[in-house]
Protein backbone atom coordinates (compact mmCIF):
# COMPACT_ATOMS: atom_id res chain seq x y z
CA UNK A 1 2.42 -44.11 168.72
CA UNK A 2 5.55 -43.14 170.82
CA UNK A 3 5.73 -40.43 173.47
CA UNK A 4 7.45 -37.95 171.38
CA UNK A 5 5.07 -38.14 168.59
CA UNK A 6 2.12 -37.69 170.94
CA UNK A 7 0.44 -33.91 171.09
CA UNK A 8 -0.29 -32.64 174.49
CA UNK A 9 -3.52 -32.87 176.08
CA UNK A 10 -5.35 -29.65 176.06
CA UNK A 11 -6.03 -28.12 180.01
CA UNK A 12 -9.53 -27.35 179.23
CA UNK A 13 -11.74 -26.30 182.57
CA UNK A 14 -15.56 -26.52 181.51
CA UNK A 15 -17.04 -23.73 184.01
CA UNK A 16 -21.71 -23.41 184.09
CA UNK A 17 -22.33 -20.32 184.02
CA UNK A 18 -25.60 -18.74 184.68
CA UNK A 19 -25.44 -15.19 185.45
CA UNK A 20 -26.23 -15.92 189.06
CA UNK A 21 -23.66 -14.29 191.99
CA UNK A 22 -22.57 -18.48 192.59
CA UNK A 23 -22.05 -19.00 189.05
CA UNK A 24 -19.74 -15.65 188.96
CA UNK A 25 -17.52 -17.26 191.77
CA UNK A 26 -16.89 -20.74 190.00
CA UNK A 27 -15.87 -18.59 186.78
CA UNK A 28 -13.62 -16.47 188.81
CA UNK A 29 -12.11 -19.82 190.42
CA UNK A 30 -12.11 -21.37 187.23
CA UNK A 31 -10.06 -18.24 185.51
CA UNK A 32 -7.29 -18.51 188.60
CA UNK A 33 -7.14 -22.28 187.94
CA UNK A 34 -6.77 -21.82 184.49
CA UNK A 35 -3.88 -19.26 185.07
CA UNK A 36 -2.12 -21.64 187.63
CA UNK A 37 -2.34 -24.45 185.77
CA UNK A 38 -1.70 -22.63 182.45
CA UNK A 39 -5.56 -23.75 180.94
CA UNK A 40 -8.10 -22.76 178.70
CA UNK A 41 -11.90 -21.70 180.12
CA UNK A 42 -14.64 -22.77 178.53
CA UNK A 43 -17.40 -20.50 180.04
CA UNK A 44 -21.18 -22.37 179.35
CA UNK A 45 -24.66 -21.60 179.47
CA UNK A 46 -27.54 -23.27 178.47
CA UNK A 47 -30.91 -21.79 177.53
CA UNK A 48 -34.22 -23.62 176.91
CA UNK A 49 -37.51 -22.57 175.55
CA UNK A 50 -40.00 -21.34 177.79
CA UNK A 51 -42.72 -23.49 179.37
CA UNK A 52 -46.19 -22.79 177.96
CA UNK A 53 -49.31 -24.87 178.70
CA UNK A 54 -52.25 -24.38 175.86
CA UNK A 55 -50.83 -21.48 174.04
CA UNK A 56 -47.53 -20.34 171.85
CA UNK A 57 -45.31 -17.74 173.10
CA UNK A 58 -44.22 -15.62 170.55
CA UNK A 59 -40.55 -15.82 171.02
CA UNK A 60 -37.53 -16.57 167.98
CA UNK A 61 -34.85 -18.72 169.21
CA UNK A 62 -32.45 -16.77 168.25
CA UNK A 63 -33.46 -14.14 170.25
CA UNK A 64 -33.25 -16.16 173.34
CA UNK A 65 -29.80 -17.42 172.21
CA UNK A 66 -28.39 -13.84 171.98
CA UNK A 67 -30.02 -12.99 175.14
CA UNK A 68 -28.74 -16.08 176.63
CA UNK A 69 -24.89 -14.83 174.85
CA UNK A 70 -25.28 -11.70 176.10
CA UNK A 71 -25.76 -12.42 179.92
CA UNK A 72 -22.67 -14.95 179.59
CA UNK A 73 -20.52 -12.21 177.79
CA UNK A 74 -22.11 -9.94 181.10
CA UNK A 75 -20.51 -12.68 183.42
CA UNK A 76 -17.16 -13.14 181.45
CA UNK A 77 -16.61 -9.31 181.63
CA UNK A 78 -17.69 -8.34 185.17
CA UNK A 79 -15.51 -11.53 186.26
CA UNK A 80 -12.42 -10.75 184.40
CA UNK A 81 -12.62 -7.32 182.89
CA UNK A 82 -11.07 -6.30 179.28
CA UNK A 83 -7.66 -8.02 180.06
CA UNK A 84 -8.51 -11.64 180.43
CA UNK A 85 -5.70 -13.67 181.96
CA UNK A 86 -6.27 -16.49 180.48
CA UNK A 87 -8.03 -17.61 177.20
CA UNK A 88 -11.88 -17.62 177.84
CA UNK A 89 -13.89 -19.61 175.62
CA UNK A 90 -17.93 -19.00 175.46
CA UNK A 91 -20.26 -21.41 174.36
CA UNK A 92 -24.12 -20.68 174.75
CA UNK A 93 -26.16 -23.75 173.68
CA UNK A 94 -30.14 -24.35 173.85
CA UNK A 95 -30.58 -27.57 175.90
CA UNK A 96 -31.30 -28.67 180.08
CA UNK A 97 -28.37 -26.75 181.44
CA UNK A 98 -27.62 -30.02 183.14
CA UNK A 99 -27.13 -31.67 180.29
CA UNK A 100 -25.37 -29.17 178.38
CA UNK A 101 -22.54 -28.90 180.73
CA UNK A 102 -22.15 -32.21 181.26
CA UNK A 103 -21.46 -32.33 177.43
CA UNK A 104 -19.01 -29.85 177.12
CA UNK A 105 -17.26 -31.27 180.11
CA UNK A 106 -16.55 -34.34 177.91
CA UNK A 107 -12.62 -34.72 177.88
CA UNK A 108 -12.28 -31.76 180.26
CA UNK A 109 -10.07 -31.52 182.68
CA UNK A 110 -12.30 -30.46 185.45
CA UNK A 111 -15.94 -29.26 185.43
CA UNK A 112 -16.53 -26.02 187.92
CA UNK A 113 -20.01 -25.07 188.82
CA UNK A 114 -21.59 -23.43 191.65
CA UNK A 115 -23.24 -24.82 194.34
CA UNK A 116 -26.67 -22.79 193.20
CA UNK A 117 -28.28 -20.87 190.29
CA UNK A 118 -30.74 -19.40 189.64
CA UNK A 119 -33.79 -20.77 190.70
CA UNK A 120 -32.86 -22.70 193.46
CA UNK A 121 -34.39 -22.67 196.80
CA UNK A 122 -33.13 -20.26 199.67
CA UNK A 123 -31.10 -22.52 201.98
CA UNK A 124 -30.27 -25.43 199.89
CA UNK A 125 -26.79 -26.67 199.81
CA UNK A 126 -26.64 -27.91 196.25
CA UNK A 127 -28.53 -27.03 193.82
CA UNK A 128 -30.72 -29.54 191.09
CA UNK A 129 -27.80 -28.61 188.22
CA UNK A 130 -24.78 -28.80 190.80
CA UNK A 131 -25.90 -31.85 191.82
CA UNK A 132 -26.51 -33.64 188.48
CA UNK A 133 -23.26 -32.57 187.28
CA UNK A 134 -21.61 -34.04 190.20
CA UNK A 135 -23.30 -37.14 189.93
CA UNK A 136 -22.75 -37.54 186.19
CA UNK A 137 -19.52 -35.59 185.38
CA UNK A 138 -17.26 -37.29 182.89
CA UNK A 139 -14.25 -35.43 184.79
CA UNK A 140 -13.67 -34.34 188.39
CA UNK A 141 -15.87 -31.61 189.42
CA UNK A 142 -15.13 -28.57 191.67
CA UNK A 143 -18.22 -26.86 193.59
CA UNK A 144 -17.45 -23.39 194.64
CA UNK A 145 -19.81 -21.91 197.13
CA UNK A 146 -21.01 -17.79 197.25
CA UNK A 147 -19.44 -15.93 200.17
CA UNK A 148 -22.54 -14.54 200.91
CA UNK A 149 -24.56 -18.42 201.23
CA UNK A 150 -22.01 -18.67 204.55
CA UNK A 151 -24.59 -16.36 206.55
CA UNK A 152 -27.97 -16.43 204.41
CA UNK A 153 -31.23 -18.07 206.48
CA UNK A 154 -29.65 -17.58 210.00
CA UNK A 155 -30.51 -14.30 210.69
CA UNK A 156 -27.06 -12.98 211.44
C-alpha cells in the first residue's frame, strides 16, 4: 500500500474520569491537548457491581450504568461547558477501572489520568488505577496533578 492511499490515523486521547477533582483536571488537560493537536477526546468511566458479603444488593445493572453515565456527563459539562472546543466521546463500561481505561487506550495516541481518584489515601502520590495504567499502558501516559494536592497534608 502506498503512502497516498493510507487513511490518516485519528489523534485520539483517552482520559479516565471518575468525577474526582483530579480526573476533572485530567479531562481539562486532555481537552487542551486535543485542541492543540487537532485530536479527539474519549472520556472513559467504569462502574462495577458493589461488593457484598452473604447478601444480595437489589441493584439493576442499568441503574448503575445510568448513574455512571450521568456522573461522566456532569464532569464533561463542568469542565468544557456547552460549547465543546473538540470532539469528546463519552464511554461508560462495566468493569475494573484500570482494565477499562487500558482497553480504551488501545491504539490511542495518549492516555491521561489524574494522579489520584476517588478512594485514594490522602497524601498518596499516585493512586492504584493511575499506577496500573502507567505500568501497563499501550501508549504514552500523562499523569495530571490536581493543584490542591501540592499543599495537602502539610498543615499550611
